[in-house]
C-alpha cells in the first residue's frame, strides 16, 4: 500500500513540475505575443518594444541559469514568477501609457 502511495505521489510531483515548466514557457510566449500585438496596433512604440523584449530575454537567461542544475527549486520558481509578473505589469503599463506610434508613420523594426 505504501509503495502505491509513493508511486502516485512521485507521478503527481513529476507532472506538476512539467506543468510548471510549460506554464513558464507558455507565459513567456504569451507575453512576447502581447508585445508584438502592441507593436502591430501602435500602442507599444519601437523603443518600448525593445525594452520589453530585452526584459523577456533577461528573464529567459535567468531561468536558464537557474535550471543549470537540472531543476527549479520552489524559491527559484517563485522568483521567476515574480519576474514574469513584473514584466507583465510593464507590458500593460507601456501599452496604455498614451505613447503611440503616429498613424501616418510606418511600423519599422521588430
N, C-alpha and C. Protein backbone atom coordinates (compact mmCIF):
# COMPACT_ATOMS: atom_id res chain seq x y z
N UNK A 1 0.82 -1.20 0.00
CA UNK A 1 0.00 0.00 0.00
C UNK A 1 0.87 1.26 0.00
N UNK A 2 1.94 1.25 0.81
CA UNK A 2 2.83 2.40 0.87
C UNK A 2 3.54 2.62 -0.46
N UNK A 3 3.86 1.54 -1.15
CA UNK A 3 4.54 1.63 -2.43
C UNK A 3 3.64 2.32 -3.46
N UNK A 4 2.38 1.96 -3.48
CA UNK A 4 1.43 2.56 -4.43
C UNK A 4 1.28 4.05 -4.13
N UNK A 5 1.18 4.40 -2.87
CA UNK A 5 1.04 5.81 -2.49
C UNK A 5 2.29 6.59 -2.87
N UNK A 6 3.47 5.99 -2.68
CA UNK A 6 4.72 6.66 -3.03
C UNK A 6 4.82 6.85 -4.54
N UNK A 7 4.42 5.83 -5.31
CA UNK A 7 4.45 5.96 -6.76
C UNK A 7 3.47 7.03 -7.25
N UNK A 8 2.31 7.07 -6.65
CA UNK A 8 1.31 8.07 -7.03
C UNK A 8 1.81 9.47 -6.72
N UNK A 9 2.43 9.62 -5.56
CA UNK A 9 2.98 10.92 -5.18
C UNK A 9 4.11 11.33 -6.11
N UNK A 10 4.97 10.39 -6.49
CA UNK A 10 6.07 10.70 -7.41
C UNK A 10 5.52 11.09 -8.79
N UNK A 11 4.50 10.40 -9.26
CA UNK A 11 3.90 10.73 -10.55
C UNK A 11 3.25 12.11 -10.52
N UNK A 12 2.59 12.43 -9.41
CA UNK A 12 1.97 13.74 -9.27
C UNK A 12 3.03 14.84 -9.26
N UNK A 13 4.12 14.62 -8.55
CA UNK A 13 5.20 15.62 -8.49
C UNK A 13 5.83 15.81 -9.86
N UNK A 14 6.03 14.73 -10.60
CA UNK A 14 6.63 14.84 -11.93
C UNK A 14 5.73 15.59 -12.89
N UNK A 15 4.44 15.31 -12.86
CA UNK A 15 3.53 16.00 -13.78
C UNK A 15 3.38 17.47 -13.41
N UNK A 16 3.38 17.79 -12.11
CA UNK A 16 3.25 19.20 -11.73
C UNK A 16 4.50 19.98 -12.11
N UNK A 17 5.68 19.36 -12.03
CA UNK A 17 6.92 20.02 -12.43
C UNK A 17 6.91 20.30 -13.93
N UNK A 18 6.47 19.32 -14.71
CA UNK A 18 6.38 19.53 -16.15
C UNK A 18 5.36 20.62 -16.46
N UNK A 19 4.25 20.63 -15.75
CA UNK A 19 3.22 21.65 -15.98
C UNK A 19 3.75 23.03 -15.63
N UNK A 20 4.52 23.15 -14.56
CA UNK A 20 5.08 24.45 -14.20
C UNK A 20 6.10 24.91 -15.22
N UNK A 21 6.93 24.00 -15.71
CA UNK A 21 7.91 24.39 -16.73
C UNK A 21 7.20 24.84 -17.99
N UNK A 22 6.15 24.13 -18.35
CA UNK A 22 5.40 24.51 -19.54
C UNK A 22 4.69 25.85 -19.33
N UNK A 23 4.19 26.08 -18.13
CA UNK A 23 3.48 27.33 -17.89
C UNK A 23 4.43 28.52 -17.95
N UNK A 24 5.69 28.36 -17.50
CA UNK A 24 6.66 29.44 -17.63
C UNK A 24 6.95 29.74 -19.09
N UNK A 25 7.14 28.67 -19.89
CA UNK A 25 7.39 28.86 -21.32
C UNK A 25 6.18 29.45 -22.01
N UNK A 26 5.00 28.96 -21.64
CA UNK A 26 3.77 29.46 -22.25
C UNK A 26 3.54 30.92 -21.88
N UNK A 27 3.83 31.26 -20.64
CA UNK A 27 3.65 32.65 -20.20
C UNK A 27 4.61 33.58 -20.93
N UNK A 28 5.85 33.13 -21.10
CA UNK A 28 6.82 33.94 -21.83
C UNK A 28 6.39 34.14 -23.28
N UNK A 29 5.90 33.07 -23.90
CA UNK A 29 5.43 33.18 -25.28
C UNK A 29 4.21 34.10 -25.37
N UNK A 30 3.33 34.00 -24.39
CA UNK A 30 2.14 34.86 -24.37
C UNK A 30 2.54 36.33 -24.23
N UNK A 31 3.51 36.61 -23.37
CA UNK A 31 3.95 37.99 -23.20
C UNK A 31 4.64 38.51 -24.45
N UNK A 32 5.40 37.65 -25.13
CA UNK A 32 6.00 38.08 -26.40
C UNK A 32 4.93 38.37 -27.44
N UNK A 33 3.86 37.58 -27.43
CA UNK A 33 2.74 37.85 -28.34
C UNK A 33 2.06 39.18 -28.02
N UNK A 34 1.93 39.49 -26.72
CA UNK A 34 1.33 40.77 -26.32
C UNK A 34 2.19 41.94 -26.79
N UNK A 35 3.50 41.79 -26.67
CA UNK A 35 4.40 42.86 -27.12
C UNK A 35 4.25 43.05 -28.63
N UNK A 36 4.24 41.96 -29.37
CA UNK A 36 4.11 42.06 -30.82
C UNK A 36 2.76 42.63 -31.22
N UNK A 37 1.70 42.25 -30.52
CA UNK A 37 0.37 42.81 -30.83
C UNK A 37 0.35 44.31 -30.56
N UNK A 38 0.99 44.73 -29.47
CA UNK A 38 1.08 46.16 -29.19
C UNK A 38 1.88 46.91 -30.23
N UNK A 39 2.92 46.27 -30.74
CA UNK A 39 3.71 46.88 -31.81
C UNK A 39 2.88 46.97 -33.09
N UNK A 40 2.09 45.96 -33.37
CA UNK A 40 1.27 45.95 -34.58
C UNK A 40 0.21 47.04 -34.55
N UNK A 41 -0.46 47.21 -33.41
CA UNK A 41 -1.54 48.19 -33.37
C UNK A 41 -1.07 49.57 -32.93
N UNK A 42 0.22 49.71 -32.61
CA UNK A 42 0.77 51.03 -32.32
C UNK A 42 0.73 51.46 -30.88
N UNK A 43 0.19 50.63 -29.97
CA UNK A 43 0.13 51.04 -28.56
C UNK A 43 1.47 50.90 -27.86
N UNK A 44 2.36 50.09 -28.42
CA UNK A 44 3.73 49.98 -27.90
C UNK A 44 4.66 50.53 -28.96
N UNK A 45 5.43 51.53 -28.57
CA UNK A 45 6.35 52.16 -29.52
C UNK A 45 7.56 51.26 -29.76
N UNK A 46 8.37 51.65 -30.73
CA UNK A 46 9.54 50.88 -31.09
C UNK A 46 10.49 50.76 -29.90
N UNK A 47 10.77 51.87 -29.23
CA UNK A 47 11.68 51.85 -28.08
C UNK A 47 11.11 51.05 -26.92
N UNK A 48 9.82 51.18 -26.68
CA UNK A 48 9.20 50.39 -25.61
C UNK A 48 9.31 48.90 -25.93
N UNK A 49 9.09 48.56 -27.19
CA UNK A 49 9.20 47.16 -27.60
C UNK A 49 10.60 46.61 -27.39
N UNK A 50 11.59 47.42 -27.68
CA UNK A 50 12.98 46.99 -27.47
C UNK A 50 13.23 46.71 -25.99
N UNK A 51 12.78 47.62 -25.13
CA UNK A 51 12.99 47.43 -23.68
C UNK A 51 12.25 46.20 -23.17
N UNK A 52 11.01 46.02 -23.62
CA UNK A 52 10.21 44.89 -23.14
C UNK A 52 10.79 43.56 -23.62
N UNK A 53 11.27 43.51 -24.86
CA UNK A 53 11.88 42.28 -25.37
C UNK A 53 13.19 41.98 -24.65
N UNK A 54 13.95 43.02 -24.35
CA UNK A 54 15.20 42.85 -23.61
C UNK A 54 14.91 42.25 -22.23
N UNK A 55 13.84 42.73 -21.60
CA UNK A 55 13.46 42.20 -20.30
C UNK A 55 13.08 40.72 -20.40
N UNK A 56 12.37 40.34 -21.45
CA UNK A 56 11.99 38.95 -21.64
C UNK A 56 13.23 38.07 -21.85
N UNK A 57 14.20 38.56 -22.62
CA UNK A 57 15.44 37.81 -22.82
C UNK A 57 16.20 37.64 -21.50
N UNK A 58 16.21 38.70 -20.69
CA UNK A 58 16.89 38.64 -19.41
C UNK A 58 16.23 37.61 -18.48
N UNK A 59 14.91 37.58 -18.46
CA UNK A 59 14.20 36.59 -17.64
C UNK A 59 14.51 35.18 -18.13
N UNK A 60 14.55 35.01 -19.44
CA UNK A 60 14.88 33.70 -20.01
C UNK A 60 16.31 33.29 -19.65
N UNK A 61 17.24 34.25 -19.67
CA UNK A 61 18.62 33.96 -19.30
C UNK A 61 18.71 33.56 -17.83
N UNK A 62 17.97 34.27 -16.98
CA UNK A 62 17.96 33.95 -15.55
C UNK A 62 17.37 32.56 -15.33
N UNK A 63 16.30 32.24 -16.05
CA UNK A 63 15.70 30.92 -15.92
C UNK A 63 16.68 29.83 -16.35
N UNK A 64 17.40 30.06 -17.44
CA UNK A 64 18.38 29.08 -17.89
C UNK A 64 19.48 28.87 -16.85
N UNK A 65 19.93 29.94 -16.23
CA UNK A 65 20.98 29.80 -15.22
C UNK A 65 20.43 29.09 -13.98
N UNK A 66 19.17 29.32 -13.64
CA UNK A 66 18.57 28.62 -12.50
C UNK A 66 18.40 27.13 -12.79
N UNK A 67 18.18 26.80 -14.06
CA UNK A 67 17.98 25.40 -14.44
C UNK A 67 19.30 24.68 -14.69
N UNK A 68 20.43 25.32 -14.43
CA UNK A 68 21.72 24.72 -14.74
C UNK A 68 21.95 23.43 -13.94
N UNK A 69 21.33 23.30 -12.78
CA UNK A 69 21.46 22.07 -12.01
C UNK A 69 20.42 21.03 -12.39
N UNK A 70 19.59 21.34 -13.37
CA UNK A 70 18.62 20.37 -13.88
C UNK A 70 17.21 20.53 -13.36
N UNK A 71 17.01 21.39 -12.38
CA UNK A 71 15.66 21.57 -11.85
C UNK A 71 15.53 22.96 -11.25
N UNK A 72 14.29 23.33 -10.98
CA UNK A 72 14.00 24.60 -10.33
C UNK A 72 13.47 24.33 -8.93
N UNK A 73 14.05 24.98 -7.95
CA UNK A 73 13.54 24.85 -6.59
C UNK A 73 12.28 25.70 -6.44
N UNK A 74 11.62 25.56 -5.33
CA UNK A 74 10.42 26.34 -5.08
C UNK A 74 10.73 27.84 -5.06
N UNK A 75 11.85 28.20 -4.42
CA UNK A 75 12.23 29.62 -4.37
C UNK A 75 12.57 30.15 -5.75
N UNK A 76 13.23 29.33 -6.58
CA UNK A 76 13.56 29.76 -7.94
C UNK A 76 12.29 29.94 -8.77
N UNK A 77 11.34 29.03 -8.62
CA UNK A 77 10.07 29.18 -9.34
C UNK A 77 9.34 30.44 -8.89
N UNK A 78 9.38 30.69 -7.59
CA UNK A 78 8.73 31.89 -7.05
C UNK A 78 9.40 33.15 -7.61
N UNK A 79 10.73 33.16 -7.67
CA UNK A 79 11.46 34.30 -8.22
C UNK A 79 11.11 34.52 -9.68
N UNK A 80 11.08 33.44 -10.46
CA UNK A 80 10.71 33.57 -11.87
C UNK A 80 9.29 34.08 -12.03
N UNK A 81 8.40 33.60 -11.19
CA UNK A 81 7.00 34.03 -11.26
C UNK A 81 6.90 35.53 -10.98
N UNK A 82 7.65 36.01 -9.97
CA UNK A 82 7.64 37.44 -9.66
C UNK A 82 8.23 38.26 -10.79
N UNK A 83 9.29 37.75 -11.42
CA UNK A 83 9.88 38.46 -12.56
C UNK A 83 8.89 38.55 -13.72
N UNK A 84 8.18 37.44 -13.98
CA UNK A 84 7.17 37.45 -15.05
C UNK A 84 6.00 38.36 -14.71
N UNK A 85 5.61 38.40 -13.43
CA UNK A 85 4.54 39.32 -13.02
C UNK A 85 4.95 40.77 -13.28
N UNK A 86 6.18 41.11 -12.91
CA UNK A 86 6.67 42.47 -13.15
C UNK A 86 6.73 42.80 -14.62
N UNK A 87 7.18 41.85 -15.44
CA UNK A 87 7.25 42.07 -16.88
C UNK A 87 5.84 42.26 -17.45
N UNK A 88 4.90 41.47 -16.99
CA UNK A 88 3.52 41.60 -17.47
C UNK A 88 2.95 42.96 -17.10
N UNK A 89 3.22 43.42 -15.88
CA UNK A 89 2.74 44.74 -15.47
C UNK A 89 3.34 45.84 -16.34
N UNK A 90 4.63 45.72 -16.67
CA UNK A 90 5.26 46.73 -17.53
C UNK A 90 4.70 46.70 -18.95
N UNK A 91 4.37 45.52 -19.46
CA UNK A 91 3.76 45.43 -20.80
C UNK A 91 2.42 46.15 -20.80
N UNK A 92 1.61 45.89 -19.78
CA UNK A 92 0.30 46.53 -19.69
C UNK A 92 0.47 48.05 -19.55
N UNK A 93 1.41 48.46 -18.69
CA UNK A 93 1.63 49.89 -18.47
C UNK A 93 2.11 50.59 -19.75
N UNK A 94 3.04 49.96 -20.46
CA UNK A 94 3.55 50.57 -21.69
C UNK A 94 2.49 50.63 -22.78
N UNK A 95 1.62 49.64 -22.83
CA UNK A 95 0.61 49.65 -23.88
C UNK A 95 -0.53 50.62 -23.59
N UNK A 96 -0.62 51.09 -22.33
CA UNK A 96 -1.70 52.02 -22.01
C UNK A 96 -1.18 53.36 -21.51
N UNK A 97 0.08 53.70 -21.79
CA UNK A 97 0.65 54.93 -21.26
C UNK A 97 0.38 56.16 -22.14
N UNK A 98 -0.28 55.98 -23.25
CA UNK A 98 -0.61 57.11 -24.10
C UNK A 98 0.39 57.37 -25.21
N UNK A 99 1.58 56.81 -25.11
CA UNK A 99 2.55 56.95 -26.19
C UNK A 99 2.17 55.99 -27.30
N UNK A 100 1.97 56.52 -28.47
CA UNK A 100 1.57 55.71 -29.62
C UNK A 100 2.39 56.09 -30.82
N UNK A 101 2.51 55.15 -31.72
CA UNK A 101 3.14 55.45 -32.99
C UNK A 101 2.14 56.29 -33.78
N UNK A 102 2.63 57.36 -34.39
CA UNK A 102 1.74 58.20 -35.20
C UNK A 102 1.15 57.37 -36.33
N UNK A 103 -0.12 57.56 -36.60
CA UNK A 103 -0.82 56.73 -37.58
C UNK A 103 -0.21 56.84 -38.96
N UNK A 104 0.43 57.95 -39.26
CA UNK A 104 0.97 58.14 -40.60
C UNK A 104 2.41 57.63 -40.72
N UNK A 105 3.03 57.25 -39.61
CA UNK A 105 4.38 56.68 -39.66
C UNK A 105 4.28 55.19 -39.91
N UNK A 106 5.17 54.67 -40.74
CA UNK A 106 5.16 53.22 -40.95
C UNK A 106 5.73 52.52 -39.73
N UNK A 107 5.32 51.29 -39.53
CA UNK A 107 5.88 50.48 -38.45
C UNK A 107 7.20 49.94 -38.95
N UNK A 108 8.27 50.15 -38.19
CA UNK A 108 9.56 49.60 -38.58
C UNK A 108 10.18 48.92 -37.37
N UNK A 109 11.19 48.12 -37.64
CA UNK A 109 11.85 47.40 -36.56
C UNK A 109 11.05 46.21 -36.12
N UNK A 110 11.61 45.50 -35.20
CA UNK A 110 10.93 44.32 -34.70
C UNK A 110 10.18 44.62 -33.45
